[in-house]
Amino acid sequence: MSKNQDYLFQNLQEQNMTFEHVFSQIVSFMKSDPLGNYRLMVGTDSQVHRSYTVFITGIVVQNEGNGVWACIRKVVIPRKMLHLHERISLELSLTEEIVSMFTEGRKNELINIILPYLYQGATFVMEGHIDIGAGKRNKTSAFVKEMVTRMESMGVEPKIKPDAFVASSYANRYTK
């Protein structure tokens, strides 16, 4: 795979989008309503199949109460990844990879869209959705502190289940 193939995104409207195209779609979405309350969320889910494991990373920009724009990136690992920690850790690494593409400059470009409207209530937050839960019966609860710390160290607000819907619902839908 060429480096470009590594970062192709898709949604129901478009295939083979570069990250630059994805970013320009997010900018357009936010510019259409600069008074909005925006959440830019990135999260990954995985599914083990018979001879491979599928990882789906979702990028969702939500204008709360006024719609979303979203896309996914699919990565297939050609083996069954049965160790939970390895899988959760790779899910988070794939999320971190995409989060890191939102450089300080790109984040500032998004913030600058809503900046003139802050006093009218416009907001922007970036979240990393991690497909783990802290509940006693949750097999992933042992990894919560480690994974949350990794997200925080990237300057992104970590969300775990039940608030990690980009990973647990949106991305999950495409792993099957």
C-alpha atoms as a PDB file:
ATOM      1  CA  MET A   1       0.000   0.000   0.000  1.00  0.00           C
ATOM      2  CA  SER A   2       1.277   3.431  -0.866  1.00  0.00           C
ATOM      3  CA  LYS A   3       1.288   6.003   1.924  1.00  0.00           C
ATOM      4  CA  ASN A   4      -1.718   7.672   0.261  1.00  0.00           C
ATOM      5  CA  GLN A   5      -3.716   4.426   0.282  1.00  0.00           C
ATOM      6  CA  ASP A   6      -3.198   4.286   4.048  1.00  0.00           C
ATOM      7  CA  TYR A   7      -5.325   7.372   4.548  1.00  0.00           C
ATOM      8  CA  LEU A   8      -8.344   7.043   2.345  1.00  0.00           C
ATOM      9  CA  PHE A   9     -11.684   7.813   3.899  1.00  0.00           C
ATOM     10  CA  GLN A  10     -15.216   7.149   2.764  1.00  0.00           C
ATOM     11  CA  ASN A  11     -18.830   7.813   3.617  1.00  0.00           C
ATOM     12  CA  LEU A  12     -22.146   7.103   1.952  1.00  0.00           C
ATOM     13  CA  GLN A  13     -21.636   9.978  -0.509  1.00  0.00           C
ATOM     14  CA  GLU A  14     -17.938   9.702  -1.348  1.00  0.00           C
ATOM     15  CA  GLN A  15     -15.166   7.100  -1.635  1.00  0.00           C
ATOM     16  CA  ASN A  16     -11.365   7.434  -1.621  1.00  0.00           C
ATOM     17  CA  MET A  17     -11.237  10.797   0.145  1.00  0.00           C
ATOM     18  CA  THR A  18      -7.830  12.081   1.208  1.00  0.00           C
ATOM     19  CA  PHE A  19      -7.449  13.585   4.665  1.00  0.00           C
ATOM     20  CA  GLU A  20      -7.141  17.009   3.005  1.00  0.00           C
ATOM     21  CA  HIS A  21     -10.565  16.471   1.405  1.00  0.00           C
ATOM     22  CA  VAL A  22     -12.025  15.276   4.709  1.00  0.00           C
ATOM     23  CA  PHE A  23     -10.637  18.372   6.437  1.00  0.00           C
ATOM     24  CA  SER A  24     -12.083  20.678   3.773  1.00  0.00           C
ATOM     25  CA  GLN A  25     -15.495  18.994   4.215  1.00  0.00           C
ATOM     26  CA  ILE A  26     -15.309  19.650   7.973  1.00  0.00           C
ATOM     27  CA  VAL A  27     -14.362  23.305   7.322  1.00  0.00           C
ATOM     28  CA  SER A  28     -17.300  23.689   4.893  1.00  0.00           C
ATOM     29  CA  PHE A  29     -19.689  22.038   7.355  1.00  0.00           C
ATOM     30  CA  MET A  30     -18.612  24.398  10.153  1.00  0.00           C
ATOM     31  CA  LYS A  31     -18.623  27.507   7.933  1.00  0.00           C
ATOM     32  CA  SER A  32     -22.233  26.775   6.973  1.00  0.00           C
ATOM     33  CA  ASP A  33     -23.216  27.650  10.572  1.00  0.00           C
ATOM     34  CA  PRO A  34     -20.372  29.405  12.454  1.00  0.00           C
ATOM     35  CA  LEU A  35     -22.711  29.993  15.411  1.00  0.00           C
ATOM     36  CA  GLY A  36     -22.891  26.235  16.058  1.00  0.00           C
ATOM     37  CA  ASN A  37     -21.848  24.044  18.965  1.00  0.00           C
ATOM     38  CA  TYR A  38     -19.302  21.726  17.369  1.00  0.00           C
ATOM     39  CA  ARG A  39     -17.874  18.439  18.585  1.00  0.00           C
ATOM     40  CA  LEU A  40     -15.128  16.927  16.437  1.00  0.00           C
ATOM     41  CA  MET A  41     -14.947  13.270  17.461  1.00  0.00           C
ATOM     42  CA  VAL A  42     -12.568  10.497  16.403  1.00  0.00           C
ATOM     43  CA  GLY A  43     -12.944   6.876  17.496  1.00  0.00           C
ATOM     44  CA  THR A  44     -12.074   3.353  16.373  1.00  0.00           C
ATOM     45  CA  ASP A  45     -13.766  -0.015  16.755  1.00  0.00           C
ATOM     46  CA  SER A  46     -12.659  -3.480  15.665  1.00  0.00           C
ATOM     47  CA  GLN A  47     -14.208  -6.812  14.845  1.00  0.00           C
ATOM     48  CA  VAL A  48     -12.416 -10.157  14.692  1.00  0.00           C
ATOM     49  CA  HIS A  49     -13.444 -12.253  11.686  1.00  0.00           C
ATOM     50  CA  ARG A  50     -12.438 -15.793  10.739  1.00  0.00           C
ATOM     51  CA  SER A  51      -8.994 -14.970   9.323  1.00  0.00           C
ATOM     52  CA  TYR A  52      -8.613 -11.206   9.769  1.00  0.00           C
ATOM     53  CA  THR A  53      -9.498  -8.276  12.012  1.00  0.00           C
ATOM     54  CA  VAL A  54     -11.248  -5.138  10.735  1.00  0.00           C
ATOM     55  CA  PHE A  55     -10.597  -1.733  12.287  1.00  0.00           C
ATOM     56  CA  ILE A  56     -12.862   1.203  11.470  1.00  0.00           C
ATOM     57  CA  THR A  57     -11.943   4.726  12.527  1.00  0.00           C
ATOM     58  CA  GLY A  58     -14.762   7.231  12.406  1.00  0.00           C
ATOM     59  CA  ILE A  59     -14.392  10.995  12.122  1.00  0.00           C
ATOM     60  CA  VAL A  60     -17.608  12.783  13.075  1.00  0.00           C
ATOM     61  CA  VAL A  61     -18.175  16.523  13.281  1.00  0.00           C
ATOM     62  CA  GLN A  62     -21.448  17.285  15.005  1.00  0.00           C
ATOM     63  CA  ASN A  63     -23.214  20.626  15.192  1.00  0.00           C
ATOM     64  CA  GLU A  64     -25.299  19.754  18.252  1.00  0.00           C
ATOM     65  CA  GLY A  65     -28.956  19.757  17.292  1.00  0.00           C
ATOM     66  CA  ASN A  66     -28.124  20.706  13.697  1.00  0.00           C
ATOM     67  CA  GLY A  67     -26.650  17.679  11.951  1.00  0.00           C
ATOM     68  CA  VAL A  68     -23.387  15.876  11.407  1.00  0.00           C
ATOM     69  CA  TRP A  69     -20.799  15.195   8.741  1.00  0.00           C
ATOM     70  CA  ALA A  70     -18.944  11.914   9.107  1.00  0.00           C
ATOM     71  CA  CYS A  71     -16.602   9.485   7.364  1.00  0.00           C
ATOM     72  CA  ILE A  72     -14.641   6.328   8.121  1.00  0.00           C
ATOM     73  CA  ARG A  73     -11.233   4.809   7.458  1.00  0.00           C
ATOM     74  CA  LYS A  74     -10.990   1.024   7.225  1.00  0.00           C
ATOM     75  CA  VAL A  75      -7.872  -0.966   8.117  1.00  0.00           C
ATOM     76  CA  VAL A  76      -7.743  -4.761   7.790  1.00  0.00           C
ATOM     77  CA  ILE A  77      -5.138  -6.746   9.717  1.00  0.00           C
ATOM     78  CA  PRO A  78      -4.702 -10.168   8.035  1.00  0.00           C
ATOM     79  CA  ARG A  79      -4.963 -12.216  11.244  1.00  0.00           C
ATOM     80  CA  LYS A  80      -7.347 -12.889  14.104  1.00  0.00           C
ATOM     81  CA  MET A  81      -6.395 -10.513  16.916  1.00  0.00           C
ATOM     82  CA  LEU A  82      -7.763 -12.385  19.911  1.00  0.00           C
ATOM     83  CA  HIS A  83      -5.900 -10.551  22.697  1.00  0.00           C
ATOM     84  CA  LEU A  84      -8.188  -7.799  23.953  1.00  0.00           C
ATOM     85  CA  HIS A  85      -5.426  -5.469  25.163  1.00  0.00           C
ATOM     86  CA  GLU A  86      -3.607  -5.694  21.812  1.00  0.00           C
ATOM     87  CA  ARG A  87      -6.832  -4.916  19.930  1.00  0.00           C
ATOM     88  CA  ILE A  88      -7.898  -2.027  22.199  1.00  0.00           C
ATOM     89  CA  SER A  89      -4.376  -0.622  22.044  1.00  0.00           C
ATOM     90  CA  LEU A  90      -4.346  -0.751  18.226  1.00  0.00           C
ATOM     91  CA  GLU A  91      -7.817   0.832  18.129  1.00  0.00           C
ATOM     92  CA  LEU A  92      -6.450   3.703  20.179  1.00  0.00           C
ATOM     93  CA  SER A  93      -3.277   3.962  18.059  1.00  0.00           C
ATOM     94  CA  LEU A  94      -5.407   4.277  14.911  1.00  0.00           C
ATOM     95  CA  THR A  95      -7.492   6.970  16.625  1.00  0.00           C
ATOM     96  CA  GLU A  96      -4.309   8.764  17.736  1.00  0.00           C
ATOM     97  CA  GLU A  97      -2.972   8.645  14.180  1.00  0.00           C
ATOM     98  CA  ILE A  98      -6.036  10.461  12.851  1.00  0.00           C
ATOM     99  CA  VAL A  99      -6.153  12.887  15.808  1.00  0.00           C
ATOM    100  CA  SER A 100      -2.501  13.797  15.103  1.00  0.00           C
ATOM    101  CA  MET A 101      -3.467  14.761  11.531  1.00  0.00           C
ATOM    102  CA  PHE A 102      -5.507  17.563  13.103  1.00  0.00           C
ATOM    103  CA  THR A 103      -2.347  19.604  13.687  1.00  0.00           C
ATOM    104  CA  GLU A 104      -2.339  22.750  15.836  1.00  0.00           C
ATOM    105  CA  GLY A 105      -2.677  24.759  12.622  1.00  0.00           C
ATOM    106  CA  ARG A 106      -5.690  22.764  11.461  1.00  0.00           C
ATOM    107  CA  LYS A 107      -7.343  22.917  14.900  1.00  0.00           C
ATOM    108  CA  ASN A 108      -6.778  26.686  14.946  1.00  0.00           C
ATOM    109  CA  GLU A 109      -8.360  26.943  11.496  1.00  0.00           C
ATOM    110  CA  LEU A 110     -11.488  25.218  12.877  1.00  0.00           C
ATOM    111  CA  ILE A 111     -11.501  27.315  16.058  1.00  0.00           C
ATOM    112  CA  ASN A 112     -11.146  30.507  13.988  1.00  0.00           C
ATOM    113  CA  ILE A 113     -14.440  29.671  12.221  1.00  0.00           C
ATOM    114  CA  ILE A 114     -16.403  29.942  15.475  1.00  0.00           C
ATOM    115  CA  LEU A 115     -14.126  32.466  17.249  1.00  0.00           C
ATOM    116  CA  PRO A 116     -16.044  35.593  16.141  1.00  0.00           C
ATOM    117  CA  TYR A 117     -19.215  33.989  17.519  1.00  0.00           C
ATOM    118  CA  LEU A 118     -17.981  32.811  20.932  1.00  0.00           C
ATOM    119  CA  TYR A 119     -19.962  35.465  22.790  1.00  0.00           C
ATOM    120  CA  GLN A 120     -23.115  34.384  20.940  1.00  0.00           C
ATOM    121  CA  GLY A 121     -22.582  30.855  22.264  1.00  0.00           C
ATOM    122  CA  ALA A 122     -20.550  29.120  19.523  1.00  0.00           C
ATOM    123  CA  THR A 123     -18.342  26.284  20.839  1.00  0.00           C
ATOM    124  CA  PHE A 124     -15.753  23.793  19.573  1.00  0.00           C
ATOM    125  CA  VAL A 125     -14.358  20.726  21.333  1.00  0.00           C
ATOM    126  CA  MET A 126     -12.320  17.781  20.067  1.00  0.00           C
ATOM    127  CA  GLU A 127     -12.971  14.336  21.562  1.00  0.00           C
ATOM    128  CA  GLY A 128     -11.294  10.956  21.321  1.00  0.00           C
ATOM    129  CA  HIS A 129     -13.852   8.169  21.634  1.00  0.00           C
ATOM    130  CA  ILE A 130     -12.449   4.980  23.149  1.00  0.00           C
ATOM    131  CA  ASP A 131     -14.437   1.740  22.867  1.00  0.00           C
ATOM    132  CA  ILE A 132     -13.966   0.764  26.525  1.00  0.00           C
ATOM    133  CA  GLY A 133     -16.084   0.912  29.644  1.00  0.00           C
ATOM    134  CA  ALA A 134     -15.285   1.439  33.294  1.00  0.00           C
ATOM    135  CA  GLY A 135     -18.057  -0.819  34.618  1.00  0.00           C
ATOM    136  CA  LYS A 136     -17.054  -3.680  36.938  1.00  0.00           C
ATOM    137  CA  ARG A 137     -18.373  -6.287  34.499  1.00  0.00           C
ATOM    138  CA  ASN A 138     -16.667  -4.724  31.488  1.00  0.00           C
ATOM    139  CA  LYS A 139     -13.679  -6.749  30.251  1.00  0.00           C
ATOM    140  CA  THR A 140     -11.976  -3.516  29.140  1.00  0.00           C
ATOM    141  CA  SER A 141     -12.219  -1.679  32.486  1.00  0.00           C
ATOM    142  CA  ALA A 142      -8.605  -2.583  33.371  1.00  0.00           C
ATOM    143  CA  PHE A 143      -7.394  -0.488  30.391  1.00  0.00           C
ATOM    144  CA  VAL A 144      -9.430   2.661  31.071  1.00  0.00           C
ATOM    145  CA  LYS A 145      -6.740   4.653  32.922  1.00  0.00           C
ATOM    146  CA  GLU A 146      -4.029   3.808  30.366  1.00  0.00           C
ATOM    147  CA  MET A 147      -6.190   4.623  27.320  1.00  0.00           C
ATOM    148  CA  VAL A 148      -7.722   7.794  28.793  1.00  0.00           C
ATOM    149  CA  THR A 149      -4.233   9.064  29.700  1.00  0.00           C
ATOM    150  CA  ARG A 150      -3.049   8.441  26.129  1.00  0.00           C
ATOM    151  CA  MET A 151      -5.927  10.535  24.735  1.00  0.00           C
ATOM    152  CA  GLU A 152      -5.420  13.326  27.282  1.00  0.00           C
ATOM    153  CA  SER A 153      -1.712  13.499  26.422  1.00  0.00           C
ATOM    154  CA  MET A 154      -2.746  14.413  22.852  1.00  0.00           C
ATOM    155  CA  GLY A 155      -4.802  17.339  24.106  1.00  0.00           C
ATOM    156  CA  VAL A 156      -8.084  15.637  23.237  1.00  0.00           C
ATOM    157  CA  GLU A 157     -11.021  15.105  25.598  1.00  0.00           C
ATOM    158  CA  PRO A 158     -11.334  11.325  26.126  1.00  0.00           C
ATOM    159  CA  LYS A 159     -14.790   9.721  26.112  1.00  0.00           C
ATOM    160  CA  ILE A 160     -15.471   6.131  27.166  1.00  0.00           C
ATOM    161  CA  LYS A 161     -18.674   4.076  27.052  1.00  0.00           C
ATOM    162  CA  PRO A 162     -21.489   5.025  27.176  1.00  0.00           C
ATOM    163  CA  ASP A 163     -20.284   8.414  25.807  1.00  0.00           C
ATOM    164  CA  ALA A 164     -17.908   7.001  23.169  1.00  0.00           C
ATOM    165  CA  PHE A 165     -20.578   6.590  20.505  1.00  0.00           C
ATOM    166  CA  VAL A 166     -18.275   7.270  17.529  1.00  0.00           C
ATOM    167  CA  ALA A 167     -16.349   4.102  18.440  1.00  0.00           C
ATOM    168  CA  SER A 168     -19.125   2.005  19.955  1.00  0.00           C
ATOM    169  CA  SER A 169     -21.930   2.855  17.498  1.00  0.00           C
ATOM    170  CA  TYR A 170     -20.828   4.662  14.335  1.00  0.00           C
ATOM    171  CA  ALA A 171     -17.549   2.801  13.650  1.00  0.00           C
ATOM    172  CA  ASN A 172     -18.986  -0.459  15.009  1.00  0.00           C
ATOM    173  CA  ARG A 173     -21.632  -0.462  12.278  1.00  0.00           C
ATOM    174  CA  TYR A 174     -18.911  -0.780   9.596  1.00  0.00           C
ATOM    175  CA  THR A 175     -16.800  -3.509  11.233  1.00  0.00           C
ATOM    176  CA  LYS A 176     -19.250  -6.354  10.552  1.00  0.00           C
END
